[in-house]
Amino acid sequence: MDVVIYSRRDCLETAVMRDYLTRMGVDFRELAVDGDAGARLAWEDLDGQVTPLLVIDQRRIVRGLDLTRLDQIFGFIGC
């Protein structure tokens, strides 16, 4: 599974998502939109409005900190 977080360095919600994914054992890459022009362009093409923006397998997108949705996607709750 390919998991990418588009983030801003000063974003508290990104820090919470990063900690959550780490605790759940989910491997991910983090791309800082405020420090990498390529990451910013990719983020703008996807949404460009909110961080964190989580992309899973290049198709599923979670905008913002939605832990219930992440539980559903990663199968931690039976929905």
Protein backbone atom coordinates (compact mmCIF):
# COMPACT_ATOMS: atom_id res chain seq x y z
CA MET A 1 0.00 0.00 0.00
CA ASP A 2 1.38 3.40 -1.00
CA VAL A 3 0.45 6.09 1.54
CA VAL A 4 1.48 9.73 1.14
CA ILE A 5 0.77 12.64 3.50
CA TYR A 6 0.95 16.13 2.06
CA SER A 7 1.74 18.37 5.00
CA ARG A 8 2.82 21.75 6.29
CA ARG A 9 5.55 21.89 8.90
CA ASP A 10 3.45 23.98 11.31
CA CYS A 11 0.24 21.93 10.92
CA LEU A 12 -0.89 20.37 14.21
CA GLU A 13 -3.40 18.09 12.45
CA THR A 14 -0.58 16.67 10.32
CA ALA A 15 1.39 15.85 13.48
CA VAL A 16 -1.63 14.04 14.92
CA MET A 17 -2.14 12.07 11.68
CA ARG A 18 1.55 11.18 11.51
CA ASP A 19 1.46 9.88 15.10
CA TYR A 20 -1.76 7.98 14.44
CA LEU A 21 -0.41 6.22 11.34
CA THR A 22 2.83 5.37 13.14
CA ARG A 23 0.95 3.89 16.12
CA MET A 24 -1.18 1.81 13.74
CA GLY A 25 1.91 0.51 11.92
CA VAL A 26 1.09 2.15 8.59
CA ASP A 27 4.14 2.98 6.46
CA PHE A 28 3.89 6.36 4.74
CA ARG A 29 5.87 9.06 2.96
CA GLU A 30 5.47 12.68 3.99
CA LEU A 31 5.79 15.53 1.51
CA ALA A 32 5.98 19.06 2.93
CA VAL A 33 4.13 21.46 0.65
CA ASP A 34 5.78 24.44 2.34
CA GLY A 35 9.31 23.22 1.63
CA ASP A 36 9.17 21.33 -1.66
CA ALA A 37 7.94 22.97 -4.87
CA GLY A 38 7.23 19.62 -6.53
CA ALA A 39 5.19 18.44 -3.56
CA ARG A 40 3.27 21.73 -3.56
CA LEU A 41 2.36 21.36 -7.24
CA ALA A 42 1.20 17.77 -6.73
CA TRP A 43 -0.84 18.83 -3.67
CA GLU A 44 -2.43 21.69 -5.64
CA ASP A 45 -3.37 19.27 -8.42
CA LEU A 46 -5.06 16.98 -5.89
CA ASP A 47 -6.77 19.56 -3.71
CA GLY A 48 -4.49 22.38 -2.63
CA GLN A 49 -6.78 23.53 0.14
CA VAL A 50 -6.09 21.58 3.29
CA THR A 51 -3.35 19.73 5.13
CA PRO A 52 -3.00 17.03 5.99
CA LEU A 53 -4.04 15.52 2.70
CA LEU A 54 -3.63 11.76 2.66
CA VAL A 55 -3.43 9.84 -0.61
CA ILE A 56 -3.65 6.05 -0.54
CA ASP A 57 -2.63 4.01 -3.57
CA GLN A 58 -2.84 7.14 -5.73
CA ARG A 59 -6.63 7.18 -5.60
CA ARG A 60 -8.16 7.38 -2.14
CA ILE A 61 -7.97 10.83 -0.64
CA VAL A 62 -8.64 11.86 2.95
CA ARG A 63 -8.80 15.62 3.46
CA GLY A 64 -7.95 16.87 6.91
CA LEU A 65 -7.77 14.86 10.11
CA ASP A 66 -10.57 12.27 9.79
CA LEU A 67 -9.54 9.43 12.08
CA THR A 68 -12.84 7.58 11.69
CA ARG A 69 -12.36 7.49 7.92
CA LEU A 70 -8.79 6.28 8.35
CA ASP A 71 -10.01 3.48 10.64
CA GLN A 72 -12.46 2.46 7.93
CA ILE A 73 -9.86 2.53 5.16
CA PHE A 74 -7.20 0.65 7.06
CA GLY A 75 -9.70 -1.87 8.42
CA PHE A 76 -9.41 -1.11 12.12
CA ILE A 77 -13.20 -0.96 12.52
CA GLY A 78 -15.71 -3.08 10.71
CA CYS A 79 -17.54 -0.61 8.51
